[in-house]
């Protein structure tokens, strides 16, 4: 059989896969947030804008973003990420466990962007205090999840399944 006669493989990507891709992509976006950058929300997209007087006025006028909206967005994203990671890490399937670990790594990496957010709004002590508190709580939740998984693994409660997942591996079980 030559290359042209080879069957085309189909890749199954279900809603859970897309959801996890979206979560990880947004976490990576947050991790790349630089100092003096602010997040702007337009329709279903997010982007960054420089911290200038003009941009601040435009964001205020058009209601495209505020520091409170940004923190709310990050909080919800991290809660979704923790929930997905918890579900993946509690699975007996090796692929799911690897995905859960990837989510936790992305959560930890997003801390860099949240630190930049604190720097951007450093003149607002109350807001910075809220960001710092959020970060401490998030770190506690991540550590708690990791220690729970380690305990389950060491007690033998979780048994790895070693089988071929293939390219059509599905996370559909997460939707239930």
C-alpha atoms as a PDB file:
ATOM      1  CA  UNK A   1       0.000   0.000   0.000  1.00  0.00           C
ATOM      2  CA  UNK A   2       1.516   3.320  -0.975  1.00  0.00           C
ATOM      3  CA  UNK A   3       1.102   6.581   0.938  1.00  0.00           C
ATOM      4  CA  UNK A   4      -1.800   7.743  -1.243  1.00  0.00           C
ATOM      5  CA  UNK A   5      -3.802   4.586  -0.563  1.00  0.00           C
ATOM      6  CA  UNK A   6      -3.437   4.828   3.215  1.00  0.00           C
ATOM      7  CA  UNK A   7      -6.750   5.313   4.975  1.00  0.00           C
ATOM      8  CA  UNK A   8      -7.386   8.698   6.508  1.00  0.00           C
ATOM      9  CA  UNK A   9      -7.471   8.477  10.288  1.00  0.00           C
ATOM     10  CA  UNK A  10     -10.254  10.337  11.938  1.00  0.00           C
ATOM     11  CA  UNK A  11      -9.605  12.102  15.193  1.00  0.00           C
ATOM     12  CA  UNK A  12     -12.446  12.209  17.650  1.00  0.00           C
ATOM     13  CA  UNK A  13     -12.498  15.339  19.746  1.00  0.00           C
ATOM     14  CA  UNK A  14     -15.486  15.498  22.034  1.00  0.00           C
ATOM     15  CA  UNK A  15     -16.822  18.387  24.099  1.00  0.00           C
ATOM     16  CA  UNK A  16     -14.715  17.478  27.143  1.00  0.00           C
ATOM     17  CA  UNK A  17     -11.520  17.534  25.056  1.00  0.00           C
ATOM     18  CA  UNK A  18     -12.481  20.948  23.677  1.00  0.00           C
ATOM     19  CA  UNK A  19     -13.323  22.194  27.160  1.00  0.00           C
ATOM     20  CA  UNK A  20      -9.936  21.113  28.507  1.00  0.00           C
ATOM     21  CA  UNK A  21      -8.163  22.652  25.521  1.00  0.00           C
ATOM     22  CA  UNK A  22     -10.001  25.907  26.182  1.00  0.00           C
ATOM     23  CA  UNK A  23      -9.146  25.852  29.895  1.00  0.00           C
ATOM     24  CA  UNK A  24      -5.452  25.159  29.282  1.00  0.00           C
ATOM     25  CA  UNK A  25      -5.276  27.762  26.489  1.00  0.00           C
ATOM     26  CA  UNK A  26      -6.785  30.412  28.744  1.00  0.00           C
ATOM     27  CA  UNK A  27      -4.415  29.486  31.580  1.00  0.00           C
ATOM     28  CA  UNK A  28      -1.484  29.841  29.203  1.00  0.00           C
ATOM     29  CA  UNK A  29      -2.847  33.208  28.063  1.00  0.00           C
ATOM     30  CA  UNK A  30      -2.926  34.339  31.701  1.00  0.00           C
ATOM     31  CA  UNK A  31       0.618  33.036  32.257  1.00  0.00           C
ATOM     32  CA  UNK A  32       1.853  35.305  29.457  1.00  0.00           C
ATOM     33  CA  UNK A  33       0.214  38.424  30.866  1.00  0.00           C
ATOM     34  CA  UNK A  34       2.927  41.042  31.239  1.00  0.00           C
ATOM     35  CA  UNK A  35       3.396  43.892  33.657  1.00  0.00           C
ATOM     36  CA  UNK A  36       1.369  46.934  32.696  1.00  0.00           C
ATOM     37  CA  UNK A  37      -0.949  44.829  30.509  1.00  0.00           C
ATOM     38  CA  UNK A  38      -4.659  44.652  31.103  1.00  0.00           C
ATOM     39  CA  UNK A  39      -7.203  42.146  29.848  1.00  0.00           C
ATOM     40  CA  UNK A  40      -9.951  43.279  27.519  1.00  0.00           C
ATOM     41  CA  UNK A  41     -13.101  41.276  26.845  1.00  0.00           C
ATOM     42  CA  UNK A  42     -14.796  41.697  23.473  1.00  0.00           C
ATOM     43  CA  UNK A  43     -17.612  39.300  22.583  1.00  0.00           C
ATOM     44  CA  UNK A  44     -16.183  35.817  23.178  1.00  0.00           C
ATOM     45  CA  UNK A  45     -12.531  36.795  22.875  1.00  0.00           C
ATOM     46  CA  UNK A  46      -9.966  38.030  25.333  1.00  0.00           C
ATOM     47  CA  UNK A  47      -6.929  40.102  24.539  1.00  0.00           C
ATOM     48  CA  UNK A  48      -4.445  42.362  26.247  1.00  0.00           C
ATOM     49  CA  UNK A  49      -4.028  46.105  26.001  1.00  0.00           C
ATOM     50  CA  UNK A  50      -1.295  48.364  27.329  1.00  0.00           C
ATOM     51  CA  UNK A  51      -1.908  50.313  30.521  1.00  0.00           C
ATOM     52  CA  UNK A  52      -2.298  53.782  29.017  1.00  0.00           C
ATOM     53  CA  UNK A  53      -4.659  56.596  29.895  1.00  0.00           C
ATOM     54  CA  UNK A  54      -6.410  56.305  26.528  1.00  0.00           C
ATOM     55  CA  UNK A  55      -6.856  52.524  26.798  1.00  0.00           C
ATOM     56  CA  UNK A  56      -8.109  52.874  30.366  1.00  0.00           C
ATOM     57  CA  UNK A  57     -10.693  55.435  29.257  1.00  0.00           C
ATOM     58  CA  UNK A  58     -11.788  53.257  26.318  1.00  0.00           C
ATOM     59  CA  UNK A  59     -12.106  50.177  28.531  1.00  0.00           C
ATOM     60  CA  UNK A  60     -14.171  52.149  31.038  1.00  0.00           C
ATOM     61  CA  UNK A  61     -16.358  53.795  28.394  1.00  0.00           C
ATOM     62  CA  UNK A  62     -17.080  50.637  26.427  1.00  0.00           C
ATOM     63  CA  UNK A  63     -17.183  48.316  29.448  1.00  0.00           C
ATOM     64  CA  UNK A  64     -14.664  46.001  27.735  1.00  0.00           C
ATOM     65  CA  UNK A  65     -12.927  45.115  30.945  1.00  0.00           C
ATOM     66  CA  UNK A  66     -12.021  46.148  34.431  1.00  0.00           C
ATOM     67  CA  UNK A  67      -9.695  44.823  37.067  1.00  0.00           C
ATOM     68  CA  UNK A  68     -12.677  43.286  38.876  1.00  0.00           C
ATOM     69  CA  UNK A  69     -13.885  41.573  35.673  1.00  0.00           C
ATOM     70  CA  UNK A  70     -10.357  40.302  35.107  1.00  0.00           C
ATOM     71  CA  UNK A  71     -10.063  38.843  38.597  1.00  0.00           C
ATOM     72  CA  UNK A  72     -13.543  37.296  38.305  1.00  0.00           C
ATOM     73  CA  UNK A  73     -12.570  35.732  34.956  1.00  0.00           C
ATOM     74  CA  UNK A  74      -9.370  34.292  36.449  1.00  0.00           C
ATOM     75  CA  UNK A  75     -11.195  32.949  39.524  1.00  0.00           C
ATOM     76  CA  UNK A  76     -13.812  31.150  37.418  1.00  0.00           C
ATOM     77  CA  UNK A  77     -11.156  29.807  35.068  1.00  0.00           C
ATOM     78  CA  UNK A  78      -9.092  28.427  37.942  1.00  0.00           C
ATOM     79  CA  UNK A  79     -12.148  26.818  39.549  1.00  0.00           C
ATOM     80  CA  UNK A  80     -13.002  25.152  36.226  1.00  0.00           C
ATOM     81  CA  UNK A  81      -9.384  24.018  35.881  1.00  0.00           C
ATOM     82  CA  UNK A  82      -9.306  22.564  39.396  1.00  0.00           C
ATOM     83  CA  UNK A  83     -12.565  20.712  38.804  1.00  0.00           C
ATOM     84  CA  UNK A  84     -11.300  19.263  35.511  1.00  0.00           C
ATOM     85  CA  UNK A  85      -7.935  18.329  37.047  1.00  0.00           C
ATOM     86  CA  UNK A  86      -9.637  16.640  40.005  1.00  0.00           C
ATOM     87  CA  UNK A  87     -11.825  14.588  37.703  1.00  0.00           C
ATOM     88  CA  UNK A  88      -8.923  13.626  35.418  1.00  0.00           C
ATOM     89  CA  UNK A  89      -6.576  12.743  38.276  1.00  0.00           C
ATOM     90  CA  UNK A  90      -9.171  10.539  39.939  1.00  0.00           C
ATOM     91  CA  UNK A  91      -9.552   8.459  36.788  1.00  0.00           C
ATOM     92  CA  UNK A  92      -7.980   5.037  36.446  1.00  0.00           C
ATOM     93  CA  UNK A  93      -6.938   5.799  32.868  1.00  0.00           C
ATOM     94  CA  UNK A  94      -3.338   6.835  32.322  1.00  0.00           C
ATOM     95  CA  UNK A  95      -4.224   9.335  29.568  1.00  0.00           C
ATOM     96  CA  UNK A  96      -6.681  11.147  31.838  1.00  0.00           C
ATOM     97  CA  UNK A  97      -4.121  11.277  34.642  1.00  0.00           C
ATOM     98  CA  UNK A  98      -1.600  12.888  32.277  1.00  0.00           C
ATOM     99  CA  UNK A  99      -4.186  15.462  31.189  1.00  0.00           C
ATOM    100  CA  UNK A 100      -4.928  16.253  34.849  1.00  0.00           C
ATOM    101  CA  UNK A 101      -1.239  16.757  35.511  1.00  0.00           C
ATOM    102  CA  UNK A 102      -1.002  19.061  32.475  1.00  0.00           C
ATOM    103  CA  UNK A 103      -3.867  21.158  33.850  1.00  0.00           C
ATOM    104  CA  UNK A 104      -2.144  21.477  37.242  1.00  0.00           C
ATOM    105  CA  UNK A 105       1.112  22.548  35.562  1.00  0.00           C
ATOM    106  CA  UNK A 106      -0.775  25.180  33.549  1.00  0.00           C
ATOM    107  CA  UNK A 107      -2.463  26.407  36.740  1.00  0.00           C
ATOM    108  CA  UNK A 108       0.900  26.848  38.440  1.00  0.00           C
ATOM    109  CA  UNK A 109       2.337  28.611  35.382  1.00  0.00           C
ATOM    110  CA  UNK A 110      -0.582  31.059  35.331  1.00  0.00           C
ATOM    111  CA  UNK A 111       0.720  32.440  38.641  1.00  0.00           C
ATOM    112  CA  UNK A 112       3.282  34.478  36.665  1.00  0.00           C
ATOM    113  CA  UNK A 113       0.514  36.381  34.896  1.00  0.00           C
ATOM    114  CA  UNK A 114      -1.433  36.905  38.108  1.00  0.00           C
ATOM    115  CA  UNK A 115       1.749  38.328  39.663  1.00  0.00           C
ATOM    116  CA  UNK A 116       1.939  40.725  36.709  1.00  0.00           C
ATOM    117  CA  UNK A 117      -1.659  41.712  37.371  1.00  0.00           C
ATOM    118  CA  UNK A 118      -0.699  42.682  40.929  1.00  0.00           C
ATOM    119  CA  UNK A 119       2.140  44.767  39.544  1.00  0.00           C
ATOM    120  CA  UNK A 120      -0.146  46.489  37.028  1.00  0.00           C
ATOM    121  CA  UNK A 121      -2.575  47.538  39.765  1.00  0.00           C
ATOM    122  CA  UNK A 122       0.004  48.066  42.527  1.00  0.00           C
ATOM    123  CA  UNK A 123      -1.448  51.476  43.459  1.00  0.00           C
ATOM    124  CA  UNK A 124      -4.741  49.840  44.426  1.00  0.00           C
ATOM    125  CA  UNK A 125      -3.816  48.148  47.701  1.00  0.00           C
ATOM    126  CA  UNK A 126      -7.267  46.640  48.211  1.00  0.00           C
ATOM    127  CA  UNK A 127      -7.269  45.009  44.788  1.00  0.00           C
ATOM    128  CA  UNK A 128      -3.711  43.713  45.238  1.00  0.00           C
ATOM    129  CA  UNK A 129      -4.755  42.255  48.605  1.00  0.00           C
ATOM    130  CA  UNK A 130      -7.643  40.442  46.922  1.00  0.00           C
ATOM    131  CA  UNK A 131      -5.304  39.074  44.235  1.00  0.00           C
ATOM    132  CA  UNK A 132      -2.794  37.900  46.849  1.00  0.00           C
ATOM    133  CA  UNK A 133      -5.525  36.210  48.884  1.00  0.00           C
ATOM    134  CA  UNK A 134      -6.842  34.515  45.753  1.00  0.00           C
ATOM    135  CA  UNK A 135      -3.327  33.260  44.961  1.00  0.00           C
ATOM    136  CA  UNK A 136      -2.839  31.826  48.464  1.00  0.00           C
ATOM    137  CA  UNK A 137      -6.191  30.045  48.341  1.00  0.00           C
ATOM    138  CA  UNK A 138      -5.465  28.697  44.863  1.00  0.00           C
ATOM    139  CA  UNK A 139      -2.059  27.399  45.936  1.00  0.00           C
ATOM    140  CA  UNK A 140      -3.706  25.680  48.910  1.00  0.00           C
ATOM    141  CA  UNK A 141      -6.303  24.041  46.663  1.00  0.00           C
ATOM    142  CA  UNK A 142      -3.642  22.844  44.201  1.00  0.00           C
ATOM    143  CA  UNK A 143      -1.453  21.444  46.996  1.00  0.00           C
ATOM    144  CA  UNK A 144      -4.454  19.758  48.596  1.00  0.00           C
ATOM    145  CA  UNK A 145      -5.427  18.142  45.300  1.00  0.00           C
ATOM    146  CA  UNK A 146      -1.854  16.955  44.696  1.00  0.00           C
ATOM    147  CA  UNK A 147      -1.534  15.484  48.188  1.00  0.00           C
ATOM    148  CA  UNK A 148      -4.883  13.716  47.849  1.00  0.00           C
ATOM    149  CA  UNK A 149      -3.749  12.107  44.603  1.00  0.00           C
ATOM    150  CA  UNK A 150      -0.405  11.097  46.113  1.00  0.00           C
ATOM    151  CA  UNK A 151      -2.212   9.477  49.075  1.00  0.00           C
ATOM    152  CA  UNK A 152      -4.536   7.577  46.739  1.00  0.00           C
ATOM    153  CA  UNK A 153      -1.606   6.367  44.654  1.00  0.00           C
ATOM    154  CA  UNK A 154       0.481   5.259  47.621  1.00  0.00           C
ATOM    155  CA  UNK A 155      -2.408   3.444  49.321  1.00  0.00           C
ATOM    156  CA  UNK A 156      -3.116   1.458  46.194  1.00  0.00           C
ATOM    157  CA  UNK A 157      -6.633   2.848  45.887  1.00  0.00           C
ATOM    158  CA  UNK A 158      -5.952   3.918  42.323  1.00  0.00           C
ATOM    159  CA  UNK A 159      -4.838   1.324  39.798  1.00  0.00           C
ATOM    160  CA  UNK A 160      -3.419   2.484  36.475  1.00  0.00           C
ATOM    161  CA  UNK A 161      -4.834   0.923  33.366  1.00  0.00           C
ATOM    162  CA  UNK A 162      -2.177   0.432  30.746  1.00  0.00           C
ATOM    163  CA  UNK A 163      -3.875   0.055  27.442  1.00  0.00           C
ATOM    164  CA  UNK A 164      -3.756   1.741  24.108  1.00  0.00           C
ATOM    165  CA  UNK A 165      -5.750   4.934  24.097  1.00  0.00           C
ATOM    166  CA  UNK A 166      -5.019   5.776  20.467  1.00  0.00           C
ATOM    167  CA  UNK A 167      -5.642   9.068  18.766  1.00  0.00           C
ATOM    168  CA  UNK A 168      -9.369   8.922  19.384  1.00  0.00           C
ATOM    169  CA  UNK A 169      -9.008   8.942  23.171  1.00  0.00           C
ATOM    170  CA  UNK A 170     -12.056  10.548  24.636  1.00  0.00           C
ATOM    171  CA  UNK A 171     -12.762  12.475  27.786  1.00  0.00           C
ATOM    172  CA  UNK A 172     -16.520  12.109  27.378  1.00  0.00           C
ATOM    173  CA  UNK A 173     -16.726  10.505  30.810  1.00  0.00           C
ATOM    174  CA  UNK A 174     -16.024  13.967  32.315  1.00  0.00           C
ATOM    175  CA  UNK A 175     -19.398  15.270  31.183  1.00  0.00           C
ATOM    176  CA  UNK A 176     -21.324  12.964  33.484  1.00  0.00           C
END
